[in-house]
Amino acid sequence: MPLPRFRRLLPDRQAEILRVARAHFAAEGPETASYNKIIEASGFSKSAAYQYFDGREDLLRAVLDGVRDRLRAALGPWRAVSDPPGFWLQLDRGARGLQEHLVAHPDDLALVPAATTHAGAEADPWFQDMLADGRRLGMVRADIDHDLMLAATIAVFRAADGWVVRAMREGRPEGLDRQPWALLAGLWGNATPPGAAG
């Protein structure tokens, strides 16, 4: 997390520093972006940088936290639904919101893989609420321990995120929801995604 002195900067200055860092991490990769180049492009000295962040990893964590916050906002909160079609519709709306955000924000698109593996999604209320709603509706099998099903569901979402990001980078954004939904339906056991036979 940024050090207290960073939080005392004006909000516009904080946002600009994180924007510059995000652009560098997106362009050069989270593992290879140069901390010194980011500092220079942000317009402050190396000694000032260490008053704002504990180092490169601290800055990267702040950037990825921001990406994840924007992804959550684009996804929207999970709201309990009354039936399976409503469940799939909410998943579809969330996926479309994320896709629209990522098309409009290529730096976030480039950092999705790092942001989604950066912190434990297991604690994310969206996943907890979505899975609980699916179980309540009888769409998610109840014979598998909740924590194991949650971990497996998150793993499918992460794999699908990577697949979708690659497809979007290659210019193939059409119909990206069908295959991940079919994969989730197979995992959950009792769910049939829209458009599936049977």
C-alpha atoms as a PDB file:
ATOM      1  CA  MET A   1       0.000   0.000   0.000  1.00  0.00           C
ATOM      2  CA  PRO A   2       1.220   3.524  -0.670  1.00  0.00           C
ATOM      3  CA  LEU A   3       2.881   5.237   2.268  1.00  0.00           C
ATOM      4  CA  PRO A   4       1.008   7.984   4.182  1.00  0.00           C
ATOM      5  CA  ARG A   5       2.877  10.769   2.396  1.00  0.00           C
ATOM      6  CA  PHE A   6       1.440   9.596  -0.955  1.00  0.00           C
ATOM      7  CA  ARG A   7      -2.078   9.858   0.474  1.00  0.00           C
ATOM      8  CA  ARG A   8      -1.380  13.473   1.435  1.00  0.00           C
ATOM      9  CA  LEU A   9      -0.806  14.408  -2.211  1.00  0.00           C
ATOM     10  CA  LEU A  10      -3.710  16.038  -4.014  1.00  0.00           C
ATOM     11  CA  PRO A  11      -6.049  13.398  -5.471  1.00  0.00           C
ATOM     12  CA  ASP A  12      -5.293  14.542  -9.038  1.00  0.00           C
ATOM     13  CA  ARG A  13      -1.550  14.092  -8.430  1.00  0.00           C
ATOM     14  CA  GLN A  14      -2.092  10.632  -6.917  1.00  0.00           C
ATOM     15  CA  ALA A  15      -4.213   9.641  -9.920  1.00  0.00           C
ATOM     16  CA  GLU A  16      -1.598  10.950 -12.364  1.00  0.00           C
ATOM     17  CA  ILE A  17       1.234   9.017 -10.706  1.00  0.00           C
ATOM     18  CA  LEU A  18      -0.814   5.812 -10.758  1.00  0.00           C
ATOM     19  CA  ARG A  19      -1.896   6.460 -14.368  1.00  0.00           C
ATOM     20  CA  VAL A  20       1.717   6.823 -15.495  1.00  0.00           C
ATOM     21  CA  ALA A  21       2.736   3.704 -13.571  1.00  0.00           C
ATOM     22  CA  ARG A  22      -0.226   1.747 -14.963  1.00  0.00           C
ATOM     23  CA  ALA A  23       0.734   2.722 -18.529  1.00  0.00           C
ATOM     24  CA  HIS A  24       4.333   1.546 -17.976  1.00  0.00           C
ATOM     25  CA  PHE A  25       3.311  -1.731 -16.321  1.00  0.00           C
ATOM     26  CA  ALA A  26       0.799  -2.352 -19.122  1.00  0.00           C
ATOM     27  CA  ALA A  27       3.253  -1.572 -21.920  1.00  0.00           C
ATOM     28  CA  GLU A  28       6.352  -3.263 -20.486  1.00  0.00           C
ATOM     29  CA  GLY A  29       4.753  -5.950 -18.318  1.00  0.00           C
ATOM     30  CA  PRO A  30       4.270  -6.096 -14.556  1.00  0.00           C
ATOM     31  CA  GLU A  31       7.442  -8.132 -14.110  1.00  0.00           C
ATOM     32  CA  THR A  32       9.724  -6.071 -16.330  1.00  0.00           C
ATOM     33  CA  ALA A  33       8.608  -2.420 -16.182  1.00  0.00           C
ATOM     34  CA  SER A  34      11.410  -0.208 -14.894  1.00  0.00           C
ATOM     35  CA  TYR A  35      10.754   1.493 -11.571  1.00  0.00           C
ATOM     36  CA  ASN A  36      13.301   4.185 -12.468  1.00  0.00           C
ATOM     37  CA  LYS A  37      11.531   4.951 -15.775  1.00  0.00           C
ATOM     38  CA  ILE A  38       8.188   5.162 -13.989  1.00  0.00           C
ATOM     39  CA  ILE A  39       9.620   7.540 -11.392  1.00  0.00           C
ATOM     40  CA  GLU A  40      11.171   9.717 -14.080  1.00  0.00           C
ATOM     41  CA  ALA A  41       7.979   9.789 -16.166  1.00  0.00           C
ATOM     42  CA  SER A  42       5.969  10.686 -13.049  1.00  0.00           C
ATOM     43  CA  GLY A  43       8.121  13.740 -12.484  1.00  0.00           C
ATOM     44  CA  PHE A  44       9.609  13.117  -9.068  1.00  0.00           C
ATOM     45  CA  SER A  45      12.989  12.034  -7.733  1.00  0.00           C
ATOM     46  CA  LYS A  46      13.990   8.574  -6.609  1.00  0.00           C
ATOM     47  CA  SER A  47      14.241   9.800  -3.018  1.00  0.00           C
ATOM     48  CA  ALA A  48      10.682  11.189  -3.240  1.00  0.00           C
ATOM     49  CA  ALA A  49       9.491   7.888  -4.712  1.00  0.00           C
ATOM     50  CA  TYR A  50      10.584   6.055  -1.585  1.00  0.00           C
ATOM     51  CA  GLN A  51       8.566   8.503   0.505  1.00  0.00           C
ATOM     52  CA  TYR A  52       5.459   7.507  -1.469  1.00  0.00           C
ATOM     53  CA  PHE A  53       6.017   3.757  -1.925  1.00  0.00           C
ATOM     54  CA  ASP A  54       8.156   1.098  -0.262  1.00  0.00           C
ATOM     55  CA  GLY A  55       9.483   0.207  -3.690  1.00  0.00           C
ATOM     56  CA  ARG A  56       8.528  -1.147  -7.078  1.00  0.00           C
ATOM     57  CA  GLU A  57       6.348  -3.979  -5.742  1.00  0.00           C
ATOM     58  CA  ASP A  58       4.434  -1.560  -3.534  1.00  0.00           C
ATOM     59  CA  LEU A  59       3.728   0.678  -6.530  1.00  0.00           C
ATOM     60  CA  LEU A  60       2.707  -2.340  -8.625  1.00  0.00           C
ATOM     61  CA  ARG A  61       0.351  -3.488  -5.863  1.00  0.00           C
ATOM     62  CA  ALA A  62      -1.271  -0.022  -5.788  1.00  0.00           C
ATOM     63  CA  VAL A  63      -1.696  -0.076  -9.574  1.00  0.00           C
ATOM     64  CA  LEU A  64      -3.182  -3.589  -9.580  1.00  0.00           C
ATOM     65  CA  ASP A  65      -5.508  -2.696  -6.698  1.00  0.00           C
ATOM     66  CA  GLY A  66      -6.802   0.179  -8.833  1.00  0.00           C
ATOM     67  CA  VAL A  67      -7.275  -2.093 -11.856  1.00  0.00           C
ATOM     68  CA  ARG A  68      -9.169  -4.611  -9.738  1.00  0.00           C
ATOM     69  CA  ASP A  69     -11.381  -1.860  -8.277  1.00  0.00           C
ATOM     70  CA  ARG A  70     -12.281  -0.673 -11.784  1.00  0.00           C
ATOM     71  CA  LEU A  71     -12.987  -4.244 -12.907  1.00  0.00           C
ATOM     72  CA  ARG A  72     -15.315  -4.739  -9.926  1.00  0.00           C
ATOM     73  CA  ALA A  73     -17.106  -1.477 -10.722  1.00  0.00           C
ATOM     74  CA  ALA A  74     -17.549  -2.516 -14.367  1.00  0.00           C
ATOM     75  CA  LEU A  75     -18.834  -5.927 -13.275  1.00  0.00           C
ATOM     76  CA  GLY A  76     -21.262  -4.419 -10.787  1.00  0.00           C
ATOM     77  CA  PRO A  77     -22.478  -6.004  -7.549  1.00  0.00           C
ATOM     78  CA  TRP A  78     -24.098  -9.430  -7.568  1.00  0.00           C
ATOM     79  CA  ARG A  79     -27.814  -9.102  -6.803  1.00  0.00           C
ATOM     80  CA  ALA A  80     -29.917 -12.108  -5.829  1.00  0.00           C
ATOM     81  CA  VAL A  81     -32.187 -13.235  -8.654  1.00  0.00           C
ATOM     82  CA  SER A  82     -35.399 -15.253  -8.692  1.00  0.00           C
ATOM     83  CA  ASP A  83     -34.660 -17.862 -11.360  1.00  0.00           C
ATOM     84  CA  PRO A  84     -31.907 -19.450 -13.481  1.00  0.00           C
ATOM     85  CA  PRO A  85     -32.536 -17.220 -16.537  1.00  0.00           C
ATOM     86  CA  GLY A  86     -32.071 -14.186 -14.273  1.00  0.00           C
ATOM     87  CA  PHE A  87     -28.828 -15.705 -12.979  1.00  0.00           C
ATOM     88  CA  TRP A  88     -27.391 -16.153 -16.478  1.00  0.00           C
ATOM     89  CA  LEU A  89     -28.644 -12.717 -17.485  1.00  0.00           C
ATOM     90  CA  GLN A  90     -26.787 -11.149 -14.570  1.00  0.00           C
ATOM     91  CA  LEU A  91     -23.607 -13.051 -15.466  1.00  0.00           C
ATOM     92  CA  ASP A  92     -24.006 -11.883 -19.065  1.00  0.00           C
ATOM     93  CA  ARG A  93     -24.536  -8.244 -18.051  1.00  0.00           C
ATOM     94  CA  GLY A  94     -21.481  -8.340 -15.833  1.00  0.00           C
ATOM     95  CA  ALA A  95     -19.376  -9.889 -18.594  1.00  0.00           C
ATOM     96  CA  ARG A  96     -20.559  -7.279 -21.094  1.00  0.00           C
ATOM     97  CA  GLY A  97     -19.804  -4.468 -18.627  1.00  0.00           C
ATOM     98  CA  LEU A  98     -16.297  -5.840 -18.146  1.00  0.00           C
ATOM     99  CA  GLN A  99     -15.780  -6.240 -21.880  1.00  0.00           C
ATOM    100  CA  GLU A 100     -16.899  -2.661 -22.572  1.00  0.00           C
ATOM    101  CA  HIS A 101     -14.597  -1.362 -19.842  1.00  0.00           C
ATOM    102  CA  LEU A 102     -11.626  -3.333 -21.152  1.00  0.00           C
ATOM    103  CA  VAL A 103     -12.168  -2.191 -24.734  1.00  0.00           C
ATOM    104  CA  ALA A 104     -12.220   1.418 -23.499  1.00  0.00           C
ATOM    105  CA  HIS A 105      -9.231   0.971 -21.135  1.00  0.00           C
ATOM    106  CA  PRO A 106      -6.449  -0.996 -22.851  1.00  0.00           C
ATOM    107  CA  ASP A 107      -4.045  -0.539 -19.918  1.00  0.00           C
ATOM    108  CA  ASP A 108      -6.513  -2.347 -17.662  1.00  0.00           C
ATOM    109  CA  LEU A 109      -6.917  -5.035 -20.356  1.00  0.00           C
ATOM    110  CA  ALA A 110      -3.160  -5.604 -20.401  1.00  0.00           C
ATOM    111  CA  LEU A 111      -3.085  -5.929 -16.600  1.00  0.00           C
ATOM    112  CA  VAL A 112      -6.119  -8.209 -16.098  1.00  0.00           C
ATOM    113  CA  PRO A 113      -4.069 -11.405 -15.649  1.00  0.00           C
ATOM    114  CA  ALA A 114      -1.824  -9.800 -13.029  1.00  0.00           C
ATOM    115  CA  ALA A 115      -4.707  -8.021 -11.271  1.00  0.00           C
ATOM    116  CA  THR A 116      -6.908 -11.112 -10.995  1.00  0.00           C
ATOM    117  CA  THR A 117      -4.149 -13.274  -9.535  1.00  0.00           C
ATOM    118  CA  HIS A 118      -2.665 -10.499  -7.397  1.00  0.00           C
ATOM    119  CA  ALA A 119      -5.010 -10.871  -4.434  1.00  0.00           C
ATOM    120  CA  GLY A 120      -7.306 -13.560  -3.113  1.00  0.00           C
ATOM    121  CA  ALA A 121     -10.564 -13.503  -5.034  1.00  0.00           C
ATOM    122  CA  GLU A 122     -11.821 -16.026  -2.480  1.00  0.00           C
ATOM    123  CA  ALA A 123     -12.641 -13.113  -0.203  1.00  0.00           C
ATOM    124  CA  ASP A 124     -14.378 -11.135  -2.970  1.00  0.00           C
ATOM    125  CA  PRO A 125     -18.054 -10.749  -2.033  1.00  0.00           C
ATOM    126  CA  TRP A 126     -19.112 -10.948  -5.700  1.00  0.00           C
ATOM    127  CA  PHE A 127     -17.909 -14.546  -6.020  1.00  0.00           C
ATOM    128  CA  GLN A 128     -19.352 -15.496  -2.643  1.00  0.00           C
ATOM    129  CA  ASP A 129     -22.748 -13.943  -3.460  1.00  0.00           C
ATOM    130  CA  MET A 130     -22.900 -15.353  -6.992  1.00  0.00           C
ATOM    131  CA  LEU A 131     -22.100 -18.889  -5.852  1.00  0.00           C
ATOM    132  CA  ALA A 132     -24.541 -18.715  -2.927  1.00  0.00           C
ATOM    133  CA  ASP A 133     -27.266 -17.510  -5.302  1.00  0.00           C
ATOM    134  CA  GLY A 134     -26.493 -20.341  -7.718  1.00  0.00           C
ATOM    135  CA  ARG A 135     -26.771 -22.893  -4.912  1.00  0.00           C
ATOM    136  CA  ARG A 136     -30.008 -21.350  -3.659  1.00  0.00           C
ATOM    137  CA  LEU A 137     -31.463 -21.689  -7.161  1.00  0.00           C
ATOM    138  CA  GLY A 138     -30.306 -25.310  -7.413  1.00  0.00           C
ATOM    139  CA  MET A 139     -27.925 -24.455 -10.258  1.00  0.00           C
ATOM    140  CA  VAL A 140     -24.711 -25.204  -8.378  1.00  0.00           C
ATOM    141  CA  ARG A 141     -24.318 -28.699  -7.013  1.00  0.00           C
ATOM    142  CA  ALA A 142     -24.425 -28.904  -3.227  1.00  0.00           C
ATOM    143  CA  ASP A 143     -22.526 -32.192  -2.816  1.00  0.00           C
ATOM    144  CA  ILE A 144     -19.170 -30.416  -3.190  1.00  0.00           C
ATOM    145  CA  ASP A 145     -17.756 -28.477  -0.243  1.00  0.00           C
ATOM    146  CA  HIS A 146     -18.466 -24.753  -0.571  1.00  0.00           C
ATOM    147  CA  ASP A 147     -14.809 -23.697  -0.296  1.00  0.00           C
ATOM    148  CA  LEU A 148     -13.707 -26.225  -2.921  1.00  0.00           C
ATOM    149  CA  MET A 149     -16.495 -25.165  -5.310  1.00  0.00           C
ATOM    150  CA  LEU A 150     -15.611 -21.515  -4.731  1.00  0.00           C
ATOM    151  CA  ALA A 151     -11.924 -22.150  -5.472  1.00  0.00           C
ATOM    152  CA  ALA A 152     -12.778 -24.159  -8.611  1.00  0.00           C
ATOM    153  CA  THR A 153     -15.246 -21.495  -9.820  1.00  0.00           C
ATOM    154  CA  ILE A 154     -12.654 -18.754  -9.344  1.00  0.00           C
ATOM    155  CA  ALA A 155     -10.077 -20.858 -11.199  1.00  0.00           C
ATOM    156  CA  VAL A 156     -12.477 -21.164 -14.148  1.00  0.00           C
ATOM    157  CA  PHE A 157     -13.116 -17.402 -14.096  1.00  0.00           C
ATOM    158  CA  ARG A 158      -9.355 -16.714 -14.049  1.00  0.00           C
ATOM    159  CA  ALA A 159      -8.741 -19.122 -16.927  1.00  0.00           C
ATOM    160  CA  ALA A 160     -11.641 -17.573 -18.843  1.00  0.00           C
ATOM    161  CA  ASP A 161     -10.304 -14.071 -18.118  1.00  0.00           C
ATOM    162  CA  GLY A 162      -6.982 -14.995 -19.709  1.00  0.00           C
ATOM    163  CA  TRP A 163      -8.705 -16.588 -22.691  1.00  0.00           C
ATOM    164  CA  VAL A 164     -11.020 -13.597 -23.183  1.00  0.00           C
ATOM    165  CA  VAL A 165      -8.126 -11.131 -22.895  1.00  0.00           C
ATOM    166  CA  ARG A 166      -6.193 -13.013 -25.589  1.00  0.00           C
ATOM    167  CA  ALA A 167      -9.280 -13.134 -27.815  1.00  0.00           C
ATOM    168  CA  MET A 168      -9.902  -9.407 -27.364  1.00  0.00           C
ATOM    169  CA  ARG A 169      -6.276  -8.573 -28.174  1.00  0.00           C
ATOM    170  CA  GLU A 170      -6.611 -10.661 -31.342  1.00  0.00           C
ATOM    171  CA  GLY A 171      -9.800  -8.792 -32.284  1.00  0.00           C
ATOM    172  CA  ARG A 172     -12.203 -11.663 -31.595  1.00  0.00           C
ATOM    173  CA  PRO A 173     -14.643 -10.113 -29.067  1.00  0.00           C
ATOM    174  CA  GLU A 174     -17.823 -11.754 -30.431  1.00  0.00           C
ATOM    175  CA  GLY A 175     -19.463 -14.555 -28.445  1.00  0.00           C
ATOM    176  CA  LEU A 176     -16.833 -14.671 -25.742  1.00  0.00           C
ATOM    177  CA  ASP A 177     -19.367 -15.597 -23.079  1.00  0.00           C
ATOM    178  CA  ARG A 178     -20.606 -18.884 -24.543  1.00  0.00           C
ATOM    179  CA  GLN A 179     -17.598 -21.084 -23.855  1.00  0.00           C
ATOM    180  CA  PRO A 180     -16.852 -19.844 -20.317  1.00  0.00           C
ATOM    181  CA  TRP A 181     -20.546 -20.239 -19.411  1.00  0.00           C
ATOM    182  CA  ALA A 182     -20.552 -23.809 -20.766  1.00  0.00           C
ATOM    183  CA  LEU A 183     -17.424 -24.566 -18.743  1.00  0.00           C
ATOM    184  CA  LEU A 184     -19.012 -23.164 -15.575  1.00  0.00           C
ATOM    185  CA  ALA A 185     -22.233 -25.084 -16.217  1.00  0.00           C
ATOM    186  CA  GLY A 186     -20.219 -28.290 -16.452  1.00  0.00           C
ATOM    187  CA  LEU A 187     -18.419 -27.514 -13.202  1.00  0.00           C
ATOM    188  CA  TRP A 188     -21.584 -26.590 -11.350  1.00  0.00           C
ATOM    189  CA  GLY A 189     -23.407 -29.707 -12.540  1.00  0.00           C
ATOM    190  CA  ASN A 190     -27.006 -28.462 -12.419  1.00  0.00           C
ATOM    191  CA  ALA A 191     -26.793 -25.334 -14.553  1.00  0.00           C
ATOM    192  CA  THR A 192     -27.662 -25.078 -18.226  1.00  0.00           C
ATOM    193  CA  PRO A 193     -26.465 -21.885 -19.889  1.00  0.00           C
ATOM    194  CA  PRO A 194     -28.755 -20.085 -22.319  1.00  0.00           C
ATOM    195  CA  GLY A 195     -28.719 -21.516 -25.812  1.00  0.00           C
ATOM    196  CA  ALA A 196     -27.496 -24.954 -24.666  1.00  0.00           C
ATOM    197  CA  ALA A 197     -29.388 -28.031 -25.728  1.00  0.00           C
ATOM    198  CA  GLY A 198     -31.151 -30.078 -23.114  1.00  0.00           C
END
